Amino acid sequence: MTDDGPEERDGVEAKAVVLEQLASALHVIRVHDPARITTLGGECAVSVAPFAELARRYGDDLAIVWIDSHPCLPPPQRRLAACT
């Protein structure tokens, strides 16, 4: 066991993995072409692909209802960079 974590790129941990998962999710959404998309659970990033696809599809005619039980803030030492 080491203290090494996922590779950080452009200030994002495991950026290559995140981008790969985003591309995969967008592919699944486009293949199935759902009329509506609901995301539940996980952390806020689970909504990136659905929101991106819906924004592409509907442009300015899009409404999103976001209900969250808590603010999604990074640890204090990274908060300033993440919230700008």
Foldseek 3Di string as FASTA:
>chain_A
DDPDDADDDPNRRVVVVLVVVLVVVLVVCVVVVDPDDDDDDDDPSVCVNVVVVVCVVQPPNDDDDDDDPDDDADPPVCRVVVPD
